[in-house]
Amino acid sequence: MSNVTNVMIAGVGGQGTVLASKILSLTMMKAGHNVKQSEIHGMSQRGGSVITHVRFGKNVHSPLVAGGAADYIVSFEELEALRCLPYLKENGRVIVNKQRLLPMPVITGALSYPEEPVDEMEAMGVDVIAVDASGIGLELGDSRVANLALLGVLSRFLDCREETWFEAIGECVRPQFLEINHKAFRAGVEFAKEHTKA
């Protein structure tokens, strides 16, 4: 059995995927894990895909998650979650923000957006946690903190103290934004407690 946990964070440019992966990586380092991280950027300035691989455990040799090996896919957008499914391992879990951002091929008419990506994943037997993380952010006053709400959901399944998460957040976020980021993280934790089994 592998001692490495594999997480893929996927989204569209500007959604905060890179910050989320930085916070996750730093949190796991503070928790005593060996951590490797790799970022894959698409045309992020045009709304392209941004995917980050984060791997942590006792001995991590490669920063890239292999196909069929991701324990968790954290997606900031529904279609991006669907695209990343080939990386999900059997009995893996998808945490997805209930948001839809049309990629350029859909806008130009070259491709169509799936009608219900979350339903499609569930029909495949995928364990999906769909959370309105952007809505949580809006309720708090800034939709950009959706990334922290998603990390809060993920934290429910990782053995790490909240204080350690907050230490990492404090090193990655400007002081004036700490309070709202903490609130978004805690809102994600509460959502996970109410809607999932750890």
Protein backbone atom coordinates (compact mmCIF):
# COMPACT_ATOMS: atom_id res chain seq x y z
CA MET A 1 0.00 0.00 0.00
CA SER A 2 1.34 3.41 -1.02
CA ASN A 3 2.30 5.85 1.70
CA VAL A 4 1.79 8.74 -0.71
CA THR A 5 -1.40 10.77 -1.08
CA ASN A 6 -2.04 12.16 -4.55
CA VAL A 7 -4.12 15.29 -5.10
CA MET A 8 -4.91 17.04 -8.37
CA ILE A 9 -6.24 20.58 -8.26
CA ALA A 10 -7.87 21.72 -11.48
CA GLY A 11 -9.49 24.90 -12.61
CA VAL A 12 -9.45 27.79 -15.02
CA GLY A 13 -6.93 30.60 -15.01
CA GLY A 14 -7.66 33.20 -12.35
CA GLN A 15 -9.65 30.93 -10.02
CA GLY A 16 -6.93 30.53 -7.41
CA THR A 17 -5.85 26.97 -8.17
CA VAL A 18 -2.15 27.75 -7.82
CA LEU A 19 -2.68 29.45 -4.44
CA ALA A 20 -4.73 26.47 -3.25
CA SER A 21 -1.98 24.04 -4.23
CA LYS A 22 0.63 26.22 -2.51
CA ILE A 23 -1.39 26.25 0.71
CA LEU A 24 -1.97 22.48 0.53
CA SER A 25 1.72 21.79 -0.11
CA LEU A 26 2.89 24.07 2.71
CA THR A 27 0.34 22.60 5.13
CA MET A 28 1.54 19.07 4.44
CA MET A 29 5.18 20.13 4.80
CA LYS A 30 4.37 21.65 8.18
CA ALA A 31 2.64 18.39 9.12
CA GLY A 32 5.92 16.56 8.51
CA HIS A 33 5.35 15.11 5.05
CA ASN A 34 7.71 14.97 2.12
CA VAL A 35 5.93 17.03 -0.57
CA LYS A 36 6.29 17.36 -4.33
CA GLN A 37 4.27 19.78 -6.45
CA SER A 38 4.02 20.38 -10.17
CA GLU A 39 1.96 22.93 -12.09
CA ILE A 40 0.63 22.54 -15.60
CA HIS A 41 -0.69 25.76 -17.10
CA GLY A 42 -2.85 25.97 -20.18
CA MET A 43 -3.80 29.28 -21.74
CA SER A 44 -4.76 30.60 -18.33
CA GLN A 45 -5.09 34.21 -19.45
CA ARG A 46 -7.77 33.09 -21.91
CA GLY A 47 -9.62 30.93 -19.45
CA GLY A 48 -7.57 27.83 -20.16
CA SER A 49 -6.99 24.92 -17.83
CA VAL A 50 -4.63 25.13 -14.87
CA ILE A 51 -3.85 21.80 -13.23
CA THR A 52 -1.61 21.27 -10.22
CA HIS A 53 -0.31 17.94 -8.94
CA VAL A 54 0.43 17.73 -5.20
CA ARG A 55 1.90 14.53 -3.74
CA PHE A 56 2.81 14.05 -0.09
CA GLY A 57 3.82 11.24 2.24
CA LYS A 58 6.93 9.63 3.70
CA ASN A 59 8.85 9.23 0.44
CA VAL A 60 7.74 11.08 -2.68
CA HIS A 61 9.95 10.66 -5.73
CA SER A 62 7.98 12.29 -8.56
CA PRO A 63 5.86 15.46 -8.56
CA LEU A 64 3.42 14.10 -11.15
CA VAL A 65 0.31 12.07 -10.37
CA ALA A 66 0.07 9.05 -12.65
CA GLY A 67 -3.12 8.13 -14.46
CA GLY A 68 -5.49 6.24 -12.20
CA ALA A 69 -3.56 7.24 -9.07
CA ALA A 70 -5.23 10.40 -7.73
CA ASP A 71 -6.79 9.97 -4.30
CA TYR A 72 -8.54 13.32 -4.66
CA ILE A 73 -9.41 15.62 -7.52
CA VAL A 74 -10.30 19.11 -6.33
CA SER A 75 -11.89 21.00 -9.20
CA PHE A 76 -12.90 24.65 -9.30
CA GLU A 77 -15.20 24.03 -12.25
CA GLU A 78 -17.44 21.13 -13.31
CA LEU A 79 -16.02 20.39 -16.77
CA GLU A 80 -12.45 20.46 -15.44
CA ALA A 81 -13.42 17.74 -12.95
CA LEU A 82 -14.77 15.61 -15.79
CA ARG A 83 -11.59 16.12 -17.80
CA CYS A 84 -9.40 14.96 -14.91
CA LEU A 85 -11.31 11.72 -14.25
CA PRO A 86 -8.72 9.51 -16.01
CA TYR A 87 -6.35 10.39 -13.16
CA LEU A 88 -8.74 9.32 -10.39
CA LYS A 89 -8.00 6.00 -8.74
CA GLU A 90 -10.64 3.44 -7.92
CA ASN A 91 -12.47 4.60 -4.77
CA GLY A 92 -10.94 8.07 -5.19
CA ARG A 93 -12.98 11.16 -4.47
CA VAL A 94 -13.86 14.25 -6.51
CA ILE A 95 -14.52 17.56 -4.76
CA VAL A 96 -16.02 19.99 -7.25
CA ASN A 97 -17.19 23.57 -7.16
CA LYS A 98 -20.67 23.87 -8.66
CA GLN A 99 -19.57 26.46 -11.17
CA ARG A 100 -19.43 26.45 -14.96
CA LEU A 101 -16.97 28.54 -16.93
CA LEU A 102 -17.16 28.01 -20.68
CA PRO A 103 -13.76 27.24 -22.21
CA MET A 104 -12.78 28.84 -25.52
CA PRO A 105 -13.69 25.78 -27.70
CA VAL A 106 -17.22 25.90 -26.27
CA ILE A 107 -17.49 29.67 -26.74
CA THR A 108 -16.41 29.35 -30.39
CA GLY A 109 -18.83 26.48 -30.97
CA ALA A 110 -16.15 23.87 -31.65
CA LEU A 111 -17.24 21.80 -28.65
CA SER A 112 -20.37 21.53 -26.54
CA TYR A 113 -20.46 21.71 -22.76
CA PRO A 114 -21.85 18.53 -21.13
CA GLU A 115 -25.38 19.03 -19.84
CA GLU A 116 -24.76 17.80 -16.28
CA PRO A 117 -21.08 16.99 -15.57
CA VAL A 118 -21.72 16.13 -11.91
CA ASP A 119 -24.59 13.76 -12.80
CA GLU A 120 -22.39 12.22 -15.48
CA MET A 121 -19.61 11.50 -12.98
CA GLU A 122 -22.03 10.06 -10.44
CA ALA A 123 -23.53 7.83 -13.12
CA MET A 124 -20.04 6.40 -13.60
CA GLY A 125 -19.97 5.50 -9.91
CA VAL A 126 -17.59 8.29 -8.95
CA ASP A 127 -17.70 9.56 -5.36
CA VAL A 128 -18.48 13.25 -5.96
CA ILE A 129 -18.82 16.01 -3.40
CA ALA A 130 -20.40 18.98 -5.19
CA VAL A 131 -20.23 22.20 -3.20
CA ASP A 132 -21.21 25.73 -4.15
CA ALA A 133 -17.83 27.09 -3.10
CA SER A 134 -18.28 30.25 -5.16
CA GLY A 135 -21.60 30.83 -3.39
CA ILE A 136 -19.89 30.42 -0.02
CA GLY A 137 -17.40 33.07 -1.11
CA LEU A 138 -20.14 35.44 -2.24
CA GLU A 139 -21.93 35.05 1.08
CA LEU A 140 -18.71 36.05 2.81
CA GLY A 141 -18.20 38.97 0.46
CA ASP A 142 -15.73 37.69 -2.14
CA SER A 143 -16.21 34.76 -4.53
CA ARG A 144 -12.43 34.48 -4.91
CA VAL A 145 -12.20 32.65 -1.58
CA ALA A 146 -13.93 29.64 -3.16
CA ASN A 147 -10.49 28.02 -3.25
CA LEU A 148 -10.28 28.08 0.55
CA ALA A 149 -13.78 26.62 0.86
CA LEU A 150 -12.71 23.73 -1.38
CA LEU A 151 -9.57 23.20 0.72
CA GLY A 152 -11.78 23.15 3.79
CA VAL A 153 -13.79 20.30 2.27
CA LEU A 154 -10.59 18.44 1.37
CA SER A 155 -9.17 18.91 4.86
CA ARG A 156 -11.97 16.77 6.25
CA PHE A 157 -10.25 13.73 4.73
CA LEU A 158 -6.64 14.55 5.58
CA ASP A 159 -5.09 13.94 8.98
CA CYS A 160 -3.92 17.44 9.80
CA ARG A 161 -4.84 19.96 12.49
CA GLU A 162 -6.76 23.11 11.57
CA GLU A 163 -4.02 25.17 13.23
CA THR A 164 -1.50 23.81 10.73
CA TRP A 165 -3.75 24.78 7.82
CA PHE A 166 -4.13 28.27 9.27
CA GLU A 167 -0.36 28.63 9.68
CA ALA A 168 0.09 27.85 6.00
CA ILE A 169 -2.74 30.16 4.97
CA GLY A 170 -1.12 32.91 7.00
CA GLU A 171 2.12 32.52 5.04
CA CYS A 172 0.36 32.56 1.65
CA VAL A 173 -2.35 35.20 2.07
CA ARG A 174 -2.02 38.92 2.79
CA PRO A 175 -2.93 39.85 6.37
CA GLN A 176 -5.96 41.93 5.37
CA PHE A 177 -7.51 38.89 3.68
CA LEU A 178 -6.80 36.36 6.41
CA GLU A 179 -10.14 36.60 8.19
CA ILE A 180 -12.28 35.98 5.11
CA ASN A 181 -10.02 33.13 4.01
CA HIS A 182 -10.29 31.50 7.43
CA LYS A 183 -14.07 31.84 7.31
CA ALA A 184 -14.21 30.28 3.84
CA PHE A 185 -12.01 27.38 4.97
CA ARG A 186 -14.20 26.74 8.02
CA ALA A 187 -17.34 26.92 5.86
CA GLY A 188 -15.88 24.18 3.66
CA VAL A 189 -15.09 22.07 6.71
CA GLU A 190 -18.65 22.45 7.98
CA PHE A 191 -20.10 21.57 4.58
CA ALA A 192 -17.99 18.39 4.50
CA LYS A 193 -19.06 17.43 8.02
CA GLU A 194 -22.74 17.79 7.09
CA HIS A 195 -22.61 16.08 3.71
CA THR A 196 -19.93 13.39 3.91
CA LYS A 197 -18.44 10.63 6.01
CA ALA A 198 -14.71 11.04 6.68
